[in-house]
N, C-alpha and C. Protein backbone atom coordinates (compact mmCIF):
# COMPACT_ATOMS: atom_id res chain seq x y z
N UNK A 1 -11.36 23.44 20.76
CA UNK A 1 -11.78 22.25 20.92
C UNK A 1 -12.70 21.43 19.99
N UNK A 2 -13.20 22.50 19.18
CA UNK A 2 -14.32 21.45 18.59
C UNK A 2 -13.43 20.68 17.37
N UNK A 3 -12.43 21.19 16.85
CA UNK A 3 -11.59 20.58 15.48
C UNK A 3 -11.18 19.09 16.40
N UNK A 4 -10.41 19.38 17.59
CA UNK A 4 -9.97 17.94 18.40
C UNK A 4 -10.81 17.31 18.46
N UNK A 5 -12.36 17.48 18.98
CA UNK A 5 -13.50 16.25 18.68
C UNK A 5 -13.82 15.92 17.32
N UNK A 6 -13.77 16.63 16.68
CA UNK A 6 -14.09 16.42 15.22
C UNK A 6 -13.19 15.47 14.73
N UNK A 7 -11.61 15.57 14.91
CA UNK A 7 -10.76 14.50 14.27
C UNK A 7 -10.74 13.25 15.01
N UNK A 8 -11.17 13.13 16.16
CA UNK A 8 -11.10 11.89 17.12
C UNK A 8 -12.60 11.18 16.40
N UNK A 9 -13.53 12.12 16.36
CA UNK A 9 -14.89 11.39 15.60
C UNK A 9 -14.66 10.52 14.37
N UNK A 10 -13.85 11.35 13.48
CA UNK A 10 -13.68 10.87 12.12
C UNK A 10 -12.51 9.26 12.42
N UNK A 11 -12.01 9.56 13.21
CA UNK A 11 -10.86 8.22 13.53
C UNK A 11 -11.81 7.10 13.74
N UNK A 12 -12.94 7.19 14.91
CA UNK A 12 -13.63 6.30 15.17
C UNK A 12 -14.43 5.81 14.41
N UNK A 13 -15.00 6.66 13.47
CA UNK A 13 -15.79 6.41 12.50
C UNK A 13 -15.09 5.51 11.57
N UNK A 14 -14.15 6.00 11.26
CA UNK A 14 -13.26 4.90 10.21
C UNK A 14 -12.95 3.94 10.52
N UNK A 15 -12.56 3.62 11.98
CA UNK A 15 -11.98 2.14 12.72
C UNK A 15 -13.30 1.33 12.55
N UNK A 16 -14.79 2.12 13.05
CA UNK A 16 -15.86 1.25 12.95
C UNK A 16 -16.02 0.90 11.66
N UNK A 17 -15.98 1.48 10.53
CA UNK A 17 -16.11 1.05 9.14
C UNK A 17 -15.20 0.04 8.57
N UNK A 18 -13.91 0.54 9.02
CA UNK A 18 -12.91 -0.68 8.79
C UNK A 18 -13.07 -2.00 9.31
N UNK A 19 -13.63 -2.21 10.59
CA UNK A 19 -13.59 -3.48 11.33
C UNK A 19 -14.97 -4.00 10.87
N UNK A 20 -15.82 -3.26 10.66
CA UNK A 20 -17.41 -3.76 9.80
C UNK A 20 -17.06 -4.23 8.89
N UNK A 21 -16.29 -3.87 7.86
CA UNK A 21 -15.94 -4.56 6.49
C UNK A 21 -15.30 -5.67 6.60
N UNK A 22 -14.39 -5.71 7.50
CA UNK A 22 -13.45 -7.20 7.76
C UNK A 22 -14.62 -8.01 8.47
N UNK A 23 -15.51 -7.80 9.09
CA UNK A 23 -16.07 -8.64 9.85
C UNK A 23 -17.41 -9.10 8.78
N UNK A 24 -17.86 -8.40 7.82
CA UNK A 24 -18.67 -8.79 7.01
C UNK A 24 -18.07 -9.72 5.81
N UNK A 25 -16.90 -9.41 5.45
CA UNK A 25 -16.29 -10.37 4.27
C UNK A 25 -15.76 -11.67 5.05
N UNK A 26 -15.51 -11.86 6.37
CA UNK A 26 -15.07 -13.14 6.90
C UNK A 26 -16.53 -13.83 7.30
N UNK A 27 -17.65 -12.97 7.48
CA UNK A 27 -19.02 -13.83 7.63
C UNK A 27 -19.45 -14.27 6.50
N UNK A 28 -19.22 -13.46 5.19
CA UNK A 28 -19.97 -13.94 4.22
C UNK A 28 -19.08 -15.25 3.65
N UNK A 29 -17.93 -15.45 3.67
CA UNK A 29 -17.11 -16.58 3.41
C UNK A 29 -17.10 -16.69 2.11
N UNK A 30 -17.06 -15.40 1.36
CA UNK A 30 -16.76 -15.15 -0.05
C UNK A 30 -15.62 -15.89 -0.66
N UNK A 31 -14.87 -16.53 0.22
CA UNK A 31 -13.68 -17.37 -0.65
C UNK A 31 -12.28 -16.48 -0.24
N UNK A 32 -11.24 -16.72 -0.82
CA UNK A 32 -10.14 -16.02 -0.83
C UNK A 32 -10.20 -14.85 -1.28
N UNK A 33 -9.29 -13.81 -0.77
CA UNK A 33 -9.49 -12.48 -1.24
C UNK A 33 -7.96 -12.04 -1.94
N UNK A 34 -8.00 -11.59 -2.79
CA UNK A 34 -6.65 -11.11 -3.63
C UNK A 34 -6.45 -9.79 -3.40
N UNK A 35 -4.99 -9.47 -3.30
CA UNK A 35 -4.58 -8.07 -2.95
C UNK A 35 -4.02 -7.83 -4.62
N UNK A 36 -4.41 -6.88 -5.10
CA UNK A 36 -4.04 -6.27 -6.34
C UNK A 36 -3.19 -5.14 -6.43
N UNK A 37 -1.92 -4.77 -6.93
CA UNK A 37 -1.11 -3.65 -7.15
C UNK A 37 -1.62 -2.71 -8.10
N UNK A 38 -1.99 -1.70 -7.90
CA UNK A 38 -2.33 -0.90 -8.89
C UNK A 38 -1.17 0.43 -9.01
N UNK A 39 -0.42 0.50 -10.05
CA UNK A 39 0.72 1.15 -10.44
C UNK A 39 0.76 2.39 -11.60
N UNK A 40 1.75 3.30 -11.35
CA UNK A 40 1.38 4.71 -12.26
C UNK A 40 0.20 5.11 -12.14
N UNK A 41 -0.33 5.20 -11.10
CA UNK A 41 -1.49 6.04 -10.67
C UNK A 41 -1.46 7.61 -10.69
N UNK A 42 -2.44 8.11 -11.35
CA UNK A 42 -2.56 9.61 -11.49
C UNK A 42 -2.71 10.12 -9.90
N UNK A 43 -1.98 11.09 -9.65
CA UNK A 43 -1.73 11.83 -8.24
C UNK A 43 -3.05 12.22 -7.72
N UNK A 44 -3.89 12.72 -8.91
CA UNK A 44 -5.40 13.22 -8.61
C UNK A 44 -6.62 12.28 -8.49
N UNK A 45 -6.17 10.96 -8.62
CA UNK A 45 -7.08 9.61 -8.43
C UNK A 45 -7.79 9.84 -7.27
N UNK A 46 -8.97 9.31 -7.18
CA UNK A 46 -9.79 9.57 -5.85
C UNK A 46 -10.25 7.97 -5.75
N UNK A 47 -10.62 7.70 -4.55
CA UNK A 47 -10.97 6.04 -4.21
C UNK A 47 -12.26 5.79 -4.87
N UNK A 48 -13.06 6.71 -5.11
CA UNK A 48 -14.46 6.55 -5.75
C UNK A 48 -14.20 6.48 -7.24
N UNK A 49 -13.16 6.86 -8.00
CA UNK A 49 -12.97 6.62 -9.37
C UNK A 49 -12.28 5.28 -9.59
N UNK A 50 -11.52 5.24 -8.73
CA UNK A 50 -10.89 3.84 -8.80
C UNK A 50 -11.68 2.43 -8.75
N UNK A 51 -12.57 2.77 -7.74
CA UNK A 51 -13.89 1.78 -7.28
C UNK A 51 -14.62 1.56 -8.45
N UNK A 52 -15.17 2.95 -9.14
CA UNK A 52 -15.96 2.70 -10.45
C UNK A 52 -15.36 1.97 -11.32
N UNK A 53 -13.98 1.98 -11.76
CA UNK A 53 -13.34 1.44 -12.85
C UNK A 53 -13.28 -0.08 -12.38
N UNK A 54 -12.71 -0.45 -11.19
CA UNK A 54 -12.71 -1.96 -10.72
C UNK A 54 -14.12 -2.72 -10.67
N UNK A 55 -14.94 -1.82 -10.25
CA UNK A 55 -16.31 -2.48 -10.01
C UNK A 55 -17.10 -3.30 -11.35
N UNK A 56 -16.40 -3.04 -12.26
CA UNK A 56 -17.00 -3.61 -13.46
C UNK A 56 -16.55 -5.17 -13.72
N UNK A 57 -15.48 -5.51 -13.04
CA UNK A 57 -14.84 -6.49 -13.08
C UNK A 57 -15.28 -7.46 -11.63
N UNK A 58 -15.95 -6.82 -10.67
CA UNK A 58 -16.09 -7.76 -9.45
C UNK A 58 -16.48 -6.75 -8.36
N UNK A 59 -16.90 -7.40 -7.31
CA UNK A 59 -16.87 -6.80 -5.91
C UNK A 59 -15.41 -6.01 -5.58
N UNK A 60 -15.28 -4.66 -5.18
CA UNK A 60 -14.04 -4.35 -4.49
C UNK A 60 -14.26 -4.17 -3.05
N UNK A 61 -13.78 -4.98 -2.28
CA UNK A 61 -13.77 -4.89 -0.81
C UNK A 61 -13.25 -3.66 -0.16
N UNK A 62 -12.05 -3.66 -0.87
CA UNK A 62 -11.19 -2.28 0.09
C UNK A 62 -10.25 -1.75 -0.88
N UNK A 63 -9.90 -0.52 -1.10
CA UNK A 63 -8.80 0.39 -1.70
C UNK A 63 -8.03 1.02 -0.63
N UNK A 64 -6.69 0.95 -1.08
CA UNK A 64 -5.96 1.66 -0.26
C UNK A 64 -5.10 2.63 -1.07
N UNK A 65 -5.05 3.91 -0.92
CA UNK A 65 -4.27 4.46 -1.85
C UNK A 65 -2.92 5.06 -0.74
N UNK A 66 -1.79 4.58 -1.18
CA UNK A 66 -0.63 4.97 -0.50
C UNK A 66 -0.16 6.19 -0.53
N UNK A 67 -0.14 7.13 0.58
CA UNK A 67 0.35 8.49 0.62
C UNK A 67 1.62 8.80 1.50
N UNK A 68 2.20 9.76 1.11
CA UNK A 68 3.53 10.01 1.68
C UNK A 68 3.27 10.51 3.35
N UNK A 69 3.93 10.07 4.07
CA UNK A 69 3.67 10.52 5.47
C UNK A 69 3.80 11.96 6.06
N UNK A 70 4.24 12.54 5.27
CA UNK A 70 4.67 13.91 6.20
C UNK A 70 3.77 14.85 5.39
N UNK A 71 3.66 14.61 3.89
CA UNK A 71 2.97 15.94 3.15
C UNK A 71 1.66 15.18 2.89
N UNK A 72 0.97 13.86 3.20
CA UNK A 72 -0.23 13.11 3.04
C UNK A 72 -0.63 13.36 1.59
N UNK A 73 0.38 13.49 0.38
CA UNK A 73 -0.22 13.42 -0.96
C UNK A 73 0.16 12.20 -1.41
N UNK A 74 -0.63 11.57 -2.45
CA UNK A 74 -0.66 10.20 -3.10
C UNK A 74 0.86 9.97 -3.54
N UNK A 75 1.24 8.90 -3.47
CA UNK A 75 2.53 8.43 -3.94
C UNK A 75 2.53 7.85 -5.31
N UNK A 76 1.06 7.57 -5.87
CA UNK A 76 1.09 7.26 -7.21
C UNK A 76 0.99 5.87 -7.43
N UNK A 77 0.47 4.97 -6.54
CA UNK A 77 0.15 3.45 -6.13
C UNK A 77 -0.94 3.41 -5.12
N UNK A 78 -1.65 2.04 -5.44
CA UNK A 78 -2.53 1.76 -4.52
C UNK A 78 -2.74 0.23 -4.23
N UNK A 79 -3.25 -0.28 -3.43
CA UNK A 79 -3.57 -1.78 -3.21
C UNK A 79 -5.03 -1.60 -3.32
N UNK A 80 -5.54 -2.79 -4.05
CA UNK A 80 -7.17 -3.15 -4.04
C UNK A 80 -7.27 -4.60 -3.45
N UNK A 81 -8.26 -4.76 -2.43
CA UNK A 81 -8.90 -6.05 -2.61
C UNK A 81 -10.08 -6.59 -3.01
N UNK A 82 -9.99 -7.72 -3.44
CA UNK A 82 -11.17 -8.18 -4.39
C UNK A 82 -11.36 -9.75 -4.09
N UNK A 83 -12.37 -10.26 -4.33
CA UNK A 83 -12.45 -11.74 -4.65
C UNK A 83 -11.25 -12.36 -5.44
N UNK A 84 -10.86 -13.30 -5.38
CA UNK A 84 -9.83 -13.76 -6.30
C UNK A 84 -9.90 -13.62 -7.73
N UNK A 85 -11.40 -14.60 -7.95
CA UNK A 85 -11.68 -14.86 -9.14
C UNK A 85 -12.10 -13.50 -10.16
N UNK A 86 -12.54 -12.53 -9.13
CA UNK A 86 -12.69 -11.43 -9.74
C UNK A 86 -11.40 -10.45 -9.89
N UNK A 87 -10.27 -10.84 -9.06
CA UNK A 87 -8.95 -10.27 -9.17
C UNK A 87 -8.39 -10.69 -10.71
N UNK A 88 -8.52 -11.82 -10.98
CA UNK A 88 -7.92 -12.57 -12.11
C UNK A 88 -8.61 -11.91 -13.27
N UNK A 89 -9.77 -11.15 -13.32
CA UNK A 89 -10.35 -10.79 -14.49
C UNK A 89 -10.04 -9.39 -14.67
N UNK A 90 -9.71 -8.84 -13.19
CA UNK A 90 -9.53 -7.33 -13.35
C UNK A 90 -7.95 -7.28 -14.03
N UNK A 91 -7.17 -8.03 -13.88
CA UNK A 91 -5.71 -7.98 -14.53
C UNK A 91 -6.10 -7.74 -15.88
N UNK A 92 -6.99 -7.73 -16.72
CA UNK A 92 -7.15 -7.24 -17.98
C UNK A 92 -6.62 -6.03 -18.03
N UNK A 93 -6.89 -4.95 -16.89
CA UNK A 93 -6.87 -3.50 -16.89
C UNK A 93 -5.50 -3.19 -17.38
N UNK A 94 -4.36 -3.75 -17.29
CA UNK A 94 -3.07 -3.63 -16.93
C UNK A 94 -2.72 -2.84 -18.44
N UNK A 95 -2.09 -1.72 -18.28
CA UNK A 95 -1.82 -1.25 -19.56
C UNK A 95 -3.00 -0.22 -20.37
N UNK A 96 -4.13 -0.27 -19.50
CA UNK A 96 -4.98 0.74 -20.13
C UNK A 96 -5.02 1.95 -19.54
N UNK A 97 -5.54 3.00 -20.05
CA UNK A 97 -5.32 4.59 -19.73
C UNK A 97 -6.12 4.90 -18.89
N UNK A 98 -6.13 5.49 -17.78
CA UNK A 98 -6.58 5.89 -16.38
C UNK A 98 -6.35 7.21 -16.24
N UNK A 99 -7.17 8.21 -16.40
CA UNK A 99 -7.06 9.47 -15.95
C UNK A 99 -5.60 10.32 -16.49
N UNK A 100 -5.45 9.55 -17.95
CA UNK A 100 -4.31 10.18 -18.58
C UNK A 100 -2.93 9.37 -18.47
N UNK A 101 -2.90 8.44 -17.47
CA UNK A 101 -1.56 7.59 -17.56
C UNK A 101 -2.02 6.25 -17.68
N UNK A 102 -1.08 5.23 -18.13
CA UNK A 102 -1.33 4.00 -18.39
C UNK A 102 -1.02 3.42 -17.08
N UNK A 103 -1.91 2.52 -16.55
CA UNK A 103 -1.70 2.10 -15.15
C UNK A 103 -1.28 0.60 -15.40
N UNK A 104 -0.63 0.24 -14.30
CA UNK A 104 -0.11 -1.07 -14.15
C UNK A 104 -0.82 -1.89 -13.17
N UNK A 105 -1.35 -3.04 -13.47
CA UNK A 105 -2.31 -3.70 -12.49
C UNK A 105 -1.63 -5.13 -12.52
N UNK A 106 -1.22 -5.47 -11.13
CA UNK A 106 -0.56 -6.76 -11.11
C UNK A 106 -1.13 -7.43 -9.55
N UNK A 107 -0.72 -8.85 -9.52
CA UNK A 107 -0.88 -9.34 -8.27
C UNK A 107 0.15 -8.74 -6.96
N UNK A 108 -0.22 -8.47 -6.10
CA UNK A 108 0.54 -7.62 -5.02
C UNK A 108 1.46 -8.84 -4.10
N UNK A 109 2.57 -8.31 -4.15
CA UNK A 109 3.61 -9.30 -3.52
C UNK A 109 3.54 -8.92 -2.05
N UNK A 110 3.97 -10.01 -1.36
CA UNK A 110 3.77 -9.83 0.12
C UNK A 110 5.00 -9.22 0.97
N UNK A 111 4.78 -8.54 1.88
CA UNK A 111 5.93 -7.98 2.45
C UNK A 111 6.90 -9.03 2.87
N UNK A 112 7.88 -8.64 2.78
CA UNK A 112 9.10 -9.26 2.93
C UNK A 112 10.15 -9.04 4.22
N UNK A 113 10.62 -9.68 4.96
CA UNK A 113 11.19 -9.17 6.14
C UNK A 113 12.90 -9.43 5.45
N UNK A 114 13.57 -8.17 4.97
CA UNK A 114 14.60 -8.52 4.64
C UNK A 114 15.58 -7.87 5.59
N UNK A 115 16.63 -8.71 5.86
CA UNK A 115 17.33 -8.45 7.00
C UNK A 115 19.02 -7.75 6.14
N UNK A 116 18.77 -7.73 4.83
CA UNK A 116 19.99 -7.21 4.32
C UNK A 116 20.18 -5.75 4.41
N UNK A 117 19.39 -4.96 4.85
CA UNK A 117 18.99 -3.63 4.87
C UNK A 117 19.58 -3.07 6.01
N UNK A 118 19.95 -4.04 7.01
CA UNK A 118 21.19 -3.37 8.28
C UNK A 118 22.25 -3.93 7.90
N UNK A 119 22.76 -4.51 6.81
CA UNK A 119 24.24 -4.68 6.96
C UNK A 119 25.26 -3.38 6.66
N UNK A 120 25.85 -3.16 7.54
CA UNK A 120 27.03 -2.15 7.59
C UNK A 120 26.64 -0.96 8.19
N UNK A 121 25.35 -0.97 8.80
CA UNK A 121 24.65 0.56 9.24
C UNK A 121 25.40 0.17 10.89
N UNK A 122 25.49 1.49 11.51
CA UNK A 122 25.87 1.57 12.86
C UNK A 122 24.61 1.24 13.83
N UNK A 123 24.93 0.70 15.21
CA UNK A 123 23.87 0.58 16.05
C UNK A 123 24.93 0.56 17.48
N UNK A 124 24.37 1.53 18.24
CA UNK A 124 25.16 1.97 19.51
C UNK A 124 26.64 2.13 18.96
N UNK A 125 26.99 3.03 18.24
CA UNK A 125 28.27 3.32 18.04
C UNK A 125 29.33 2.60 17.60
N UNK A 126 28.35 1.05 17.14
CA UNK A 126 29.49 -0.05 16.81
C UNK A 126 28.90 -0.33 15.39
N UNK A 127 29.82 -0.74 14.54
CA UNK A 127 29.48 -0.99 13.16
C UNK A 127 29.23 -2.86 13.31
N UNK A 128 28.48 -3.20 12.51
CA UNK A 128 28.05 -4.46 12.05
C UNK A 128 29.14 -5.22 11.39
N UNK A 129 30.18 -4.46 10.80
CA UNK A 129 31.06 -5.08 9.90
C UNK A 129 32.53 -5.28 10.84
N UNK A 130 33.02 -6.44 10.45
CA UNK A 130 33.97 -6.55 11.47
C UNK A 130 35.51 -5.52 11.13
N UNK A 131 36.20 -5.69 12.25
CA UNK A 131 37.14 -4.31 11.81
C UNK A 131 38.19 -4.71 10.78
N UNK A 132 38.59 -6.18 10.48
CA UNK A 132 39.24 -6.43 9.18
C UNK A 132 38.63 -6.09 8.05
N UNK A 133 37.23 -6.00 8.13
CA UNK A 133 36.54 -5.86 6.66
C UNK A 133 36.32 -4.06 6.34
N UNK A 134 36.75 -3.44 7.55
CA UNK A 134 36.68 -1.92 7.33
C UNK A 134 37.84 -1.17 6.48
N UNK A 135 37.68 -0.41 5.90
CA UNK A 135 38.66 0.21 4.88
C UNK A 135 39.33 1.02 5.74
N UNK A 136 40.71 0.73 5.60
CA UNK A 136 41.93 1.77 6.37
C UNK A 136 41.79 3.16 5.90
N UNK A 137 41.66 4.21 6.66
CA UNK A 137 41.65 5.59 6.57
C UNK A 137 43.31 6.07 6.47
N UNK A 138 43.61 6.90 5.45
CA UNK A 138 44.90 7.21 5.46
C UNK A 138 45.21 7.99 6.99
N UNK A 139 46.21 8.24 7.43
CA UNK A 139 46.47 9.03 8.64
C UNK A 139 47.53 10.37 7.77
N UNK A 140 47.16 11.64 8.28
CA UNK A 140 47.77 12.75 8.03
C UNK A 140 48.26 13.45 9.14
N UNK A 141 49.46 13.50 8.99
CA UNK A 141 50.23 14.17 10.39
C UNK A 141 50.99 15.16 9.97
């Protein structure tokens, strides 16, 4: 039972920290925030190491290291939130070597709602393709 309560205490503390950081950044009115993509990241990179690298270029608001859902291992890229004027300075880090790998630093692209990914997939046993578009299967008798 101790592990269960410890887990939920960590979740609650993380949520408090997350929302307190958001409210501080909104209340300070520091201007527009820019989201930076950090690619080709070493799998052993820690949040503190990334923060120390980017803090030389300005205030780092948030770091999100993307992890695999099942194994919880890092996927090799991260997103960083900084004020937009500091983010433009941090773009100079692109191509630098960090923990043995040349990192890619660029402006993060927004998530797009791509409807093409559903084309031709089945839903409720019916195909989205019309019958005349389906390839005819040969019959063996």
